[in-house]
Amino acid sequence: MEKELIFGHQNPDTDAIGTAIAYSYLQNKLGYNTEPVALGEANDETAFALKKFGFEAPRVIKTAANEVDKVMLVDHNEPQQSVSDIDKVTVTHVVDHHRIMNFNTTSPLFYLDEPVGCTSTIMYDLYRYNDVEIPKNIAGIMLSAIISDTLLLKSPTTTDKDKKAVEALAEIAGVDYQSYGLEELKAGTNIADKSEEELIDLDAKSFEFNGQTARVAQINVVDLPEAMERKDSFLKAMDDVSEAENYDLFMLLITNVLDSDSKALVVGNDNAKAAFEKAFGKVVDSEIDLPGVVSRKKQVVPQLTEAFE
């Protein structure tokens, strides 16, 4: 059978990489010929999870059409978040938990999108639906993805499905999800040895809001005041990238994973900043407190979408 690549979004997180691995295993069991790949290097948290459950990081690709004619997408659907030549390949499958935007195909495909906290939660149901046993290591990397995306089930995106999947996958993987989850989340909060340019690109996605282009980045920390000591450097890096990439708005969400509060740094043109303030309130000296905001998908993107319209 013709080979297909499976991958998540650019600047991949644990869900993008972990679900690609899990989906590739499932699809190969169902008779497909697939390989999980990534659109960027694994971050510290993902590297921790991969090592914990005995995986090598998937190889990184820049383009897909030079290797295959068909691909499967996980944890994203928007073209600007995908591989650079997504328009040159046929998408045959999508498994996602985000909004559907600017996505279209010339042929029918398998498309499954659910409003849950993590794509791996959907993947857990797909394994059960297809009656495929989940290996211990696959369960572990899927569990890691859900812990990451839901901040150990504390995010407002968390659903009962996520909770049930976590409990079941933790049992298969043979770990206590509470203690392991804290270890995993803390593994991704070391920002001291990274530059501001690296940090604002580690977990960043681009969105189009009514003709305006926005970049929304997020970093997780355990010491918010320490991170804010680098505010001026963050803002300069954001300005530089915005100018180079023509972003109308650049938002950096800095989230304390221990208390689930965030602070945002914001740069952009006047119209874009006005839309941001319409959604979230007054920005003072390029910053704003966002207590309880931890989810880009549920607490940032929908609000910006409405404000820009």
Protein backbone atom coordinates (compact mmCIF):
# COMPACT_ATOMS: atom_id res chain seq x y z
CA MET A 1 0.00 0.00 0.00
CA GLU A 2 1.13 3.54 -0.77
CA LYS A 3 2.86 5.16 2.20
CA GLU A 4 1.27 8.11 4.00
CA LEU A 5 2.78 10.49 6.54
CA ILE A 6 0.94 11.44 9.73
CA PHE A 7 1.76 14.67 11.53
CA GLY A 8 0.43 17.37 13.82
CA HIS A 9 0.85 21.14 13.58
CA GLN A 10 3.98 23.27 13.31
CA ASN A 11 5.82 23.93 16.59
CA PRO A 12 4.48 20.59 17.82
CA ASP A 13 3.41 19.95 21.40
CA THR A 14 2.91 16.63 23.15
CA ASP A 15 -0.53 16.15 21.59
CA ALA A 16 0.70 16.82 18.05
CA ILE A 17 3.57 14.34 18.36
CA GLY A 18 2.00 11.81 20.71
CA THR A 19 -1.22 11.51 18.74
CA ALA A 20 0.68 11.15 15.46
CA ILE A 21 2.55 8.20 16.96
CA ALA A 22 -0.66 6.65 18.31
CA TYR A 23 -2.60 7.17 15.08
CA SER A 24 0.17 5.69 12.96
CA TYR A 25 0.22 2.55 15.09
CA LEU A 26 -3.57 2.23 14.82
CA GLN A 27 -3.69 2.85 11.08
CA ASN A 28 -0.93 0.35 10.44
CA LYS A 29 -2.90 -2.23 12.41
CA LEU A 30 -5.88 -1.44 10.17
CA GLY A 31 -3.87 -2.10 7.01
CA TYR A 32 -2.44 1.29 6.09
CA ASN A 33 1.24 2.04 5.56
CA THR A 34 2.02 5.12 7.62
CA GLU A 35 4.87 6.87 9.38
CA PRO A 36 4.51 9.44 12.17
CA VAL A 37 6.62 12.55 11.57
CA ALA A 38 6.81 16.02 13.08
CA LEU A 39 6.87 19.58 11.76
CA GLY A 40 9.42 20.66 14.36
CA GLU A 41 11.62 19.41 17.16
CA ALA A 42 10.05 18.01 20.32
CA ASN A 43 9.91 20.49 23.19
CA ASP A 44 11.22 19.65 26.68
CA GLU A 45 7.90 18.34 27.95
CA THR A 46 7.36 16.14 24.92
CA ALA A 47 10.94 14.87 25.06
CA PHE A 48 10.34 13.92 28.70
CA ALA A 49 7.22 11.94 27.78
CA LEU A 50 8.86 10.23 24.81
CA LYS A 51 11.80 9.11 26.94
CA LYS A 52 9.50 7.95 29.75
CA PHE A 53 7.67 5.57 27.43
CA GLY A 54 10.59 4.48 25.28
CA PHE A 55 10.04 6.42 22.06
CA GLU A 56 12.48 8.16 19.78
CA ALA A 57 11.28 11.54 18.61
CA PRO A 58 9.73 11.29 15.12
CA ARG A 59 11.89 12.68 12.34
CA VAL A 60 11.23 16.28 11.37
CA ILE A 61 10.05 17.14 7.86
CA LYS A 62 9.91 20.50 6.12
CA THR A 63 7.88 19.34 3.11
CA ALA A 64 5.75 16.28 2.38
CA ALA A 65 5.12 16.23 -1.38
CA ASN A 66 8.71 15.19 -2.11
CA GLU A 67 8.04 11.95 -0.17
CA VAL A 68 4.37 11.05 -0.48
CA ASP A 69 1.17 11.90 -2.31
CA LYS A 70 -1.14 11.49 0.69
CA VAL A 71 -1.05 12.56 4.33
CA MET A 72 -3.11 12.30 7.51
CA LEU A 73 -3.44 15.23 9.91
CA VAL A 74 -3.83 15.18 13.68
CA ASP A 75 -4.37 18.03 16.13
CA HIS A 76 -4.86 20.66 13.41
CA ASN A 77 -6.59 21.44 10.15
CA GLU A 78 -5.81 25.07 9.30
CA PRO A 79 -3.39 25.22 6.34
CA GLN A 80 -1.15 27.91 7.85
CA GLN A 81 -0.46 25.59 10.80
CA SER A 82 0.40 22.60 8.61
CA VAL A 83 3.30 21.48 6.44
CA SER A 84 4.42 24.18 4.00
CA ASP A 85 3.33 22.27 0.90
CA ILE A 86 0.01 20.98 2.23
CA ASP A 87 -1.63 22.17 -1.00
CA LYS A 88 0.49 19.72 -2.99
CA VAL A 89 -0.66 16.54 -1.21
CA THR A 90 -4.02 14.86 -0.64
CA VAL A 91 -5.33 14.82 2.91
CA THR A 92 -7.09 11.49 3.49
CA HIS A 93 -7.75 11.66 7.26
CA VAL A 94 -8.08 14.36 9.92
CA VAL A 95 -8.48 13.79 13.66
CA ASP A 96 -8.68 17.07 15.54
CA HIS A 97 -10.26 19.00 18.42
CA HIS A 98 -9.96 22.58 17.14
CA ARG A 99 -12.12 24.92 15.10
CA ILE A 100 -12.33 24.13 11.37
CA MET A 101 -11.03 27.06 9.32
CA ASN A 102 -9.95 27.49 5.69
CA PHE A 103 -9.98 23.72 5.18
CA ASN A 104 -11.22 22.18 1.97
CA THR A 105 -10.47 19.16 -0.20
CA THR A 106 -11.26 17.98 -3.71
CA SER A 107 -12.09 14.44 -2.57
CA PRO A 108 -14.04 12.89 0.32
CA LEU A 109 -12.02 12.03 3.40
CA PHE A 110 -12.27 10.70 6.94
CA TYR A 111 -12.73 13.68 9.24
CA LEU A 112 -13.31 13.43 12.99
CA ASP A 113 -13.37 16.58 15.12
CA GLU A 114 -14.74 16.61 18.66
CA PRO A 115 -14.93 19.34 21.32
CA VAL A 116 -12.72 17.57 23.86
CA GLY A 117 -9.56 18.61 25.64
CA CYS A 118 -7.10 16.63 23.55
CA THR A 119 -6.86 14.79 20.24
CA SER A 120 -5.56 11.71 22.06
CA THR A 121 -8.91 11.47 23.84
CA ILE A 122 -10.52 10.99 20.43
CA MET A 123 -7.76 8.53 19.55
CA TYR A 124 -8.59 6.47 22.64
CA ASP A 125 -12.16 6.11 21.35
CA LEU A 126 -10.90 5.18 17.87
CA TYR A 127 -8.85 2.33 19.32
CA ARG A 128 -11.90 1.05 21.14
CA TYR A 129 -14.17 1.50 18.10
CA ASN A 130 -11.78 -0.52 15.94
CA ASP A 131 -11.20 -3.11 18.69
CA VAL A 132 -7.42 -2.61 18.62
CA GLU A 133 -5.55 -3.23 21.85
CA ILE A 134 -3.56 -0.24 23.11
CA PRO A 135 0.06 -1.18 23.92
CA LYS A 136 1.53 0.06 27.19
CA ASN A 137 3.88 2.58 25.57
CA ILE A 138 1.19 3.92 23.22
CA ALA A 139 -1.13 4.35 26.21
CA GLY A 140 1.63 6.27 27.97
CA ILE A 141 2.23 8.74 25.17
CA MET A 142 -1.52 9.27 24.68
CA LEU A 143 -1.89 9.84 28.42
CA SER A 144 0.95 12.37 28.27
CA ALA A 145 -0.80 14.23 25.46
CA ILE A 146 -4.04 14.56 27.43
CA ILE A 147 -2.20 15.67 30.57
CA SER A 148 -0.39 18.31 28.52
CA ASP A 149 -3.41 19.71 26.69
CA THR A 150 -5.67 19.76 29.75
CA LEU A 151 -3.01 20.85 32.26
CA LEU A 152 -3.62 17.69 34.24
CA LEU A 153 -7.41 17.97 33.80
CA LYS A 154 -7.51 21.55 35.15
CA SER A 155 -8.12 23.32 31.85
CA PRO A 156 -11.67 24.47 31.04
CA THR A 157 -11.37 22.41 27.87
CA THR A 158 -11.44 19.24 29.97
CA THR A 159 -14.46 17.00 29.45
CA ASP A 160 -15.71 13.82 31.06
CA LYS A 161 -14.32 11.96 28.06
CA ASP A 162 -10.85 13.30 28.82
CA LYS A 163 -11.10 12.22 32.45
CA LYS A 164 -12.23 8.72 31.55
CA ALA A 165 -9.50 8.37 28.94
CA VAL A 166 -6.83 9.50 31.41
CA GLU A 167 -7.93 6.96 33.99
CA ALA A 168 -8.05 4.11 31.47
CA LEU A 169 -4.76 4.99 29.78
CA ALA A 170 -2.94 5.43 33.10
CA GLU A 171 -4.01 1.94 34.10
CA ILE A 172 -2.73 0.47 30.83
CA ALA A 173 0.52 2.47 31.06
CA GLY A 174 1.02 1.46 34.69
CA VAL A 175 1.50 4.96 36.12
CA ASP A 176 -0.19 7.19 38.68
CA TYR A 177 -1.41 9.99 36.44
CA GLN A 178 -1.38 12.62 39.19
CA SER A 179 2.26 12.22 40.17
CA TYR A 180 3.42 11.52 36.63
CA GLY A 181 1.41 14.44 35.32
CA LEU A 182 3.11 16.92 37.65
CA GLU A 183 6.52 15.60 36.60
CA GLU A 184 5.59 15.96 32.94
CA LEU A 185 4.23 19.50 33.22
CA LYS A 186 7.21 20.69 35.26
CA ALA A 187 9.55 19.23 32.63
CA GLY A 188 8.17 21.76 30.19
CA THR A 189 8.55 24.84 32.38
CA ASN A 190 12.30 25.37 32.24
CA ILE A 191 12.71 28.62 30.30
CA ALA A 192 15.98 29.85 31.80
CA ASP A 193 18.21 28.24 29.20
CA LYS A 194 16.18 29.42 26.18
CA SER A 195 16.25 32.72 24.35
CA GLU A 196 13.19 34.91 23.99
CA GLU A 197 13.16 34.14 20.27
CA GLU A 198 13.04 30.42 21.00
CA LEU A 199 10.38 30.76 23.68
CA ILE A 200 7.91 32.74 21.58
CA ASP A 201 8.16 30.12 18.85
CA LEU A 202 8.04 26.92 20.94
CA ASP A 203 4.26 26.72 21.12
CA ALA A 204 2.91 29.29 18.71
CA LYS A 205 0.12 29.19 16.15
CA SER A 206 -1.01 31.61 13.47
CA PHE A 207 -4.67 32.52 12.99
CA GLU A 208 -6.64 34.63 10.56
CA PHE A 209 -9.33 36.84 12.07
CA ASN A 210 -11.45 38.70 9.52
CA GLY A 211 -8.47 39.43 7.28
CA GLN A 212 -6.08 40.15 10.17
CA THR A 213 -3.23 37.75 10.93
CA ALA A 214 -2.47 36.97 14.56
CA ARG A 215 0.23 34.92 16.20
CA VAL A 216 -0.67 33.43 19.58
CA ALA A 217 2.17 31.89 21.54
CA GLN A 218 2.09 30.25 24.96
CA ILE A 219 4.72 29.25 27.47
CA ASN A 220 4.17 27.38 30.74
CA VAL A 221 6.07 28.35 33.87
CA VAL A 222 6.05 27.72 37.60
CA ASP A 223 7.39 31.20 38.46
CA LEU A 224 5.45 33.93 36.66
CA PRO A 225 7.31 36.90 38.22
CA GLU A 226 10.63 35.41 37.13
CA ALA A 227 9.36 35.09 33.56
CA MET A 228 8.12 38.68 33.58
CA GLU A 229 11.63 39.91 34.38
CA ARG A 230 12.28 39.21 30.68
CA LYS A 231 9.31 41.29 29.53
CA ASP A 232 11.24 43.88 27.51
CA SER A 233 13.20 41.18 25.71
CA PHE A 234 10.00 39.27 24.95
CA LEU A 235 8.36 42.37 23.53
CA LYS A 236 11.35 43.15 21.30
CA ALA A 237 11.38 39.57 19.97
CA MET A 238 7.63 39.76 19.32
CA ASP A 239 8.00 43.08 17.50
CA ASP A 240 10.82 41.72 15.36
CA VAL A 241 8.88 38.63 14.34
CA SER A 242 5.72 40.64 13.68
CA GLU A 243 7.60 42.94 11.35
CA ALA A 244 9.32 40.07 9.54
CA GLU A 245 6.15 37.97 9.16
CA ASN A 246 3.59 40.79 8.81
CA TYR A 247 1.55 39.80 11.86
CA ASP A 248 -1.12 42.32 12.80
CA LEU A 249 -1.15 41.01 16.37
CA PHE A 250 1.26 38.99 18.46
CA MET A 251 0.10 37.69 21.83
CA LEU A 252 2.30 35.78 24.27
CA LEU A 253 0.35 33.93 26.96
CA ILE A 254 2.53 33.13 29.98
CA THR A 255 0.76 30.52 32.09
CA ASN A 256 1.54 29.38 35.62
CA VAL A 257 0.74 25.65 35.50
CA LEU A 258 0.48 25.40 39.28
CA ASP A 259 -2.27 27.97 39.84
CA SER A 260 -3.78 28.12 36.32
CA ASP A 261 -3.40 31.89 35.95
CA SER A 262 -1.83 33.75 33.04
CA LYS A 263 -0.43 37.08 32.01
CA ALA A 264 -0.37 38.17 28.38
CA LEU A 265 2.08 40.36 26.51
CA VAL A 266 0.61 42.03 23.44
CA VAL A 267 2.02 43.90 20.45
CA GLY A 268 0.36 44.87 17.17
CA ASN A 269 -1.20 47.59 15.08
CA ASP A 270 -3.85 49.89 16.56
CA ASN A 271 -6.82 48.09 15.01
CA ALA A 272 -5.64 44.69 16.15
CA LYS A 273 -4.89 45.88 19.67
CA ALA A 274 -8.33 47.50 19.84
CA ALA A 275 -9.91 44.17 18.94
CA PHE A 276 -7.80 42.45 21.58
CA GLU A 277 -8.93 44.93 24.23
CA LYS A 278 -12.53 44.42 23.15
CA ALA A 279 -12.08 40.73 23.96
CA PHE A 280 -9.98 40.91 27.11
CA GLY A 281 -9.89 44.42 28.53
CA LYS A 282 -7.39 47.25 28.76
CA VAL A 283 -3.77 46.50 27.96
CA VAL A 284 -1.40 48.62 30.04
CA ASP A 285 2.25 48.90 29.06
CA SER A 286 1.80 45.96 26.65
CA GLU A 287 0.59 43.57 29.36
CA ILE A 288 -2.64 42.32 30.88
CA ASP A 289 -3.53 39.90 33.68
CA LEU A 290 -5.74 37.00 32.57
CA PRO A 291 -6.68 35.08 35.72
CA GLY A 292 -7.96 31.60 35.00
CA VAL A 293 -7.04 31.76 31.30
CA VAL A 294 -4.98 28.71 30.35
CA SER A 295 -6.45 27.48 27.07
CA ARG A 296 -5.62 29.14 23.76
CA LYS A 297 -8.23 26.99 22.01
CA LYS A 298 -11.18 27.79 24.29
CA GLN A 299 -10.30 31.00 26.13
CA VAL A 300 -8.39 33.00 23.52
CA VAL A 301 -9.17 32.08 19.91
CA PRO A 302 -13.01 32.18 20.13
CA GLN A 303 -12.90 35.51 21.96
CA LEU A 304 -10.52 37.03 19.39
CA THR A 305 -12.60 35.64 16.53
CA GLU A 306 -15.69 37.41 17.87
CA ALA A 307 -13.84 40.64 18.64
CA PHE A 308 -12.29 40.93 15.20
CA GLU A 309 -15.66 40.38 13.53
